[in-house]
N, C-alpha and C. Protein backbone atom coordinates (compact mmCIF):
# COMPACT_ATOMS: atom_id res chain seq x y z
N MET A 1 111.82 61.11 95.27
CA MET A 1 110.71 60.62 96.14
C MET A 1 109.52 61.71 96.05
N PRO A 2 108.30 61.35 95.92
CA PRO A 2 107.24 62.31 96.01
C PRO A 2 106.84 62.66 97.41
N ILE A 3 106.11 63.65 97.41
CA ILE A 3 105.49 64.11 98.72
C ILE A 3 104.06 63.82 98.58
N TYR A 4 103.52 62.90 99.60
CA TYR A 4 102.09 62.67 99.55
C TYR A 4 101.37 63.27 100.75
N GLU A 5 100.03 63.40 100.65
CA GLU A 5 99.24 63.89 101.67
C GLU A 5 98.51 62.74 102.17
N PHE A 6 98.40 62.47 103.56
CA PHE A 6 97.79 61.54 104.28
C PHE A 6 96.63 62.05 105.13
N GLU A 7 95.69 61.26 105.46
CA GLU A 7 94.74 61.55 106.40
C GLU A 7 94.42 60.43 107.29
N CYS A 8 94.45 60.61 108.57
CA CYS A 8 94.09 59.57 109.52
C CYS A 8 92.59 59.26 109.64
N PRO A 9 92.24 58.13 109.51
CA PRO A 9 90.72 57.79 109.62
C PRO A 9 90.24 57.92 110.91
N GLN A 10 91.12 57.79 112.03
CA GLN A 10 90.72 57.90 113.37
C GLN A 10 90.48 59.43 113.84
N CYS A 11 91.48 60.22 113.70
CA CYS A 11 91.30 61.67 114.05
C CYS A 11 91.10 62.71 113.18
N SER A 12 91.26 62.31 111.83
CA SER A 12 91.16 63.24 110.60
C SER A 12 92.23 64.26 110.59
N HIS A 13 93.41 63.83 111.19
CA HIS A 13 94.68 64.72 111.10
C HIS A 13 95.18 64.44 109.83
N VAL A 14 95.57 65.67 109.02
CA VAL A 14 96.20 65.64 107.72
C VAL A 14 97.67 66.03 107.82
N LEU A 15 98.49 65.19 107.05
CA LEU A 15 100.01 65.46 107.11
C LEU A 15 100.48 65.28 105.76
N THR A 16 101.58 65.92 105.59
CA THR A 16 102.25 65.74 104.28
C THR A 16 103.64 65.01 104.72
N GLN A 17 104.07 64.01 103.82
CA GLN A 17 105.20 63.11 104.01
C GLN A 17 105.83 62.84 102.74
N LEU A 18 107.26 62.86 102.87
CA LEU A 18 108.10 62.31 101.71
C LEU A 18 108.17 60.87 101.73
N CYS A 19 107.82 60.15 100.71
CA CYS A 19 107.62 58.63 100.83
C CYS A 19 108.23 58.02 99.44
N ARG A 20 108.33 56.80 99.42
CA ARG A 20 108.71 55.98 98.23
C ARG A 20 107.43 56.16 97.37
N LEU A 21 107.75 56.16 96.02
CA LEU A 21 106.79 56.12 94.87
C LEU A 21 105.77 55.07 95.16
N GLY A 22 104.50 55.32 95.12
CA GLY A 22 103.52 54.31 95.18
C GLY A 22 102.98 54.04 96.63
N THR A 23 103.57 54.55 97.72
CA THR A 23 103.22 54.33 99.03
C THR A 23 101.63 54.58 99.26
N ASP A 24 101.03 53.68 99.75
CA ASP A 24 99.53 53.80 99.96
C ASP A 24 99.08 54.30 101.30
N GLY A 25 100.04 54.24 102.40
CA GLY A 25 99.77 54.79 103.76
C GLY A 25 99.32 53.76 104.58
N SER A 26 99.13 52.37 104.12
CA SER A 26 98.58 51.40 105.08
C SER A 26 99.69 51.02 106.17
N ARG A 27 100.99 51.44 105.85
CA ARG A 27 101.95 51.15 107.02
C ARG A 27 102.35 52.49 107.82
N GLU A 28 101.74 53.38 107.45
CA GLU A 28 102.13 54.76 107.90
C GLU A 28 101.38 54.98 109.24
N GLU A 29 101.97 55.73 110.21
CA GLU A 29 101.40 55.97 111.46
C GLU A 29 101.03 57.43 111.80
N CYS A 30 99.93 57.72 112.22
CA CYS A 30 99.50 59.11 112.49
C CYS A 30 100.28 59.68 113.66
N PRO A 31 100.97 60.78 113.51
CA PRO A 31 101.82 61.34 114.52
C PRO A 31 100.91 61.86 115.72
N LYS A 32 99.71 62.16 115.43
CA LYS A 32 98.93 62.65 116.53
C LYS A 32 98.19 61.65 117.37
N CYS A 33 97.72 60.57 116.93
CA CYS A 33 96.91 59.63 117.72
C CYS A 33 97.59 58.11 117.59
N ARG A 34 98.65 58.03 116.75
CA ARG A 34 99.50 56.75 116.69
C ARG A 34 98.71 55.62 115.90
N THR A 35 97.54 55.93 115.18
CA THR A 35 96.80 54.87 114.55
C THR A 35 97.61 54.53 113.38
N LEU A 36 97.65 53.35 112.97
CA LEU A 36 98.26 52.74 111.73
C LEU A 36 97.20 52.82 110.60
N GLY A 37 97.63 52.86 109.39
CA GLY A 37 96.79 52.80 108.28
C GLY A 37 96.18 54.05 107.84
N LEU A 38 96.92 55.04 107.29
CA LEU A 38 96.59 56.23 106.90
C LEU A 38 96.02 56.22 105.54
N LYS A 39 95.14 56.98 105.10
CA LYS A 39 94.51 57.08 103.76
C LYS A 39 95.34 58.17 103.04
N ARG A 40 95.65 57.72 101.83
CA ARG A 40 96.51 58.74 101.02
C ARG A 40 95.35 59.56 100.22
N MET A 41 95.56 60.85 100.20
CA MET A 41 94.59 61.85 99.62
C MET A 41 95.18 62.15 98.26
N LEU A 42 94.13 62.71 97.46
CA LEU A 42 94.50 63.20 96.18
C LEU A 42 94.93 64.68 96.41
N SER A 43 95.97 65.02 95.81
CA SER A 43 96.47 66.42 96.02
C SER A 43 96.56 67.22 94.71
N ARG A 44 96.38 68.42 94.81
CA ARG A 44 96.56 69.48 93.65
C ARG A 44 97.98 69.66 93.43
N PHE A 45 98.28 69.81 92.04
CA PHE A 45 99.61 70.20 91.91
C PHE A 45 99.74 71.15 90.65
N ALA A 46 100.84 71.80 90.53
CA ALA A 46 101.00 72.73 89.43
C ALA A 46 102.19 72.13 88.49
N ALA A 47 101.73 72.04 87.22
CA ALA A 47 102.85 71.50 86.21
C ALA A 47 103.61 72.70 85.87
N PRO A 48 105.07 72.52 85.80
CA PRO A 48 105.90 73.66 85.38
C PRO A 48 105.52 74.20 84.15
N GLY A 49 105.50 75.56 84.15
CA GLY A 49 105.24 76.28 82.89
C GLY A 49 103.82 76.58 82.50
N THR A 50 102.86 76.22 83.29
CA THR A 50 101.54 76.30 82.99
C THR A 50 100.88 77.55 83.64
N GLY A 51 101.55 78.25 84.43
CA GLY A 51 101.11 79.35 85.18
C GLY A 51 101.12 80.73 84.52
N GLY A 52 101.76 80.82 83.32
CA GLY A 52 101.97 82.18 82.68
C GLY A 52 102.81 83.02 83.53
N ASP A 53 102.58 84.44 83.48
CA ASP A 53 103.19 85.41 84.28
C ASP A 53 102.42 85.95 85.38
N ASN A 54 101.50 85.29 85.86
CA ASN A 54 100.61 85.56 87.00
C ASN A 54 101.36 85.64 88.30
N ALA A 55 100.88 86.43 89.17
CA ALA A 55 101.50 86.60 90.60
C ALA A 55 101.31 85.39 91.45
N CYS A 56 100.07 84.72 91.38
CA CYS A 56 99.90 83.58 92.31
C CYS A 56 100.33 82.26 91.74
N GLY A 57 100.37 82.16 90.42
CA GLY A 57 100.77 80.81 89.87
C GLY A 57 99.72 79.75 89.93
N SER A 58 98.42 80.06 90.22
CA SER A 58 97.35 79.06 90.39
C SER A 58 96.56 78.93 89.18
N CYS A 59 96.63 79.79 88.18
CA CYS A 59 95.83 79.78 86.95
C CYS A 59 96.59 80.38 85.87
N THR A 60 95.87 80.41 84.62
CA THR A 60 96.62 80.88 83.43
C THR A 60 96.28 82.40 83.24
N SER A 61 95.56 82.95 83.97
CA SER A 61 95.22 84.28 83.84
C SER A 61 96.38 85.22 84.29
N THR A 62 96.53 86.37 83.60
CA THR A 62 97.58 87.27 83.98
C THR A 62 97.01 88.51 84.69
N ALA A 63 95.67 88.54 85.08
CA ALA A 63 95.04 89.46 85.81
C ALA A 63 94.51 88.76 87.07
N CYS A 64 95.18 88.91 88.24
CA CYS A 64 94.79 88.15 89.31
C CYS A 64 93.58 88.72 89.95
N GLY A 65 92.84 89.64 89.44
CA GLY A 65 91.55 89.93 89.93
C GLY A 65 90.55 88.92 89.53
N THR A 66 90.76 88.11 88.39
CA THR A 66 89.99 87.09 88.06
C THR A 66 90.18 85.68 88.75
N CYS A 67 91.13 85.63 89.60
CA CYS A 67 91.53 84.40 90.24
C CYS A 67 90.95 84.42 91.67
N SER A 68 90.55 83.14 92.13
CA SER A 68 89.78 83.12 93.36
C SER A 68 90.88 82.86 94.52
N VAL A 69 92.12 82.77 94.24
CA VAL A 69 93.25 82.53 95.23
C VAL A 69 93.58 83.94 95.71
N LYS A 70 93.64 84.09 97.05
CA LYS A 70 94.04 85.30 97.64
C LYS A 70 95.20 85.24 98.44
C-alpha cells in the first residue's frame, strides 16, 4: 500500500496516509475539521540507488555544499 499526501480544501491541513493504490481522497475525512473530500497532492520521492554516496540523499552530488537541503 502506498503512502499518499492529502490536503483539505476547507482548512488546508496536510496529512499523509497509508491507502489503497489509486485512492483519490474523495472519501477521506480531514482529521482537523472533519470535511470530506480531500485532494491528493503530488509528492516528491527518491528512487532507490539514485542518491550516490551523499549524506542527505536528495541529489546525485557527493559534495553536500552544492545541495540546497540542509
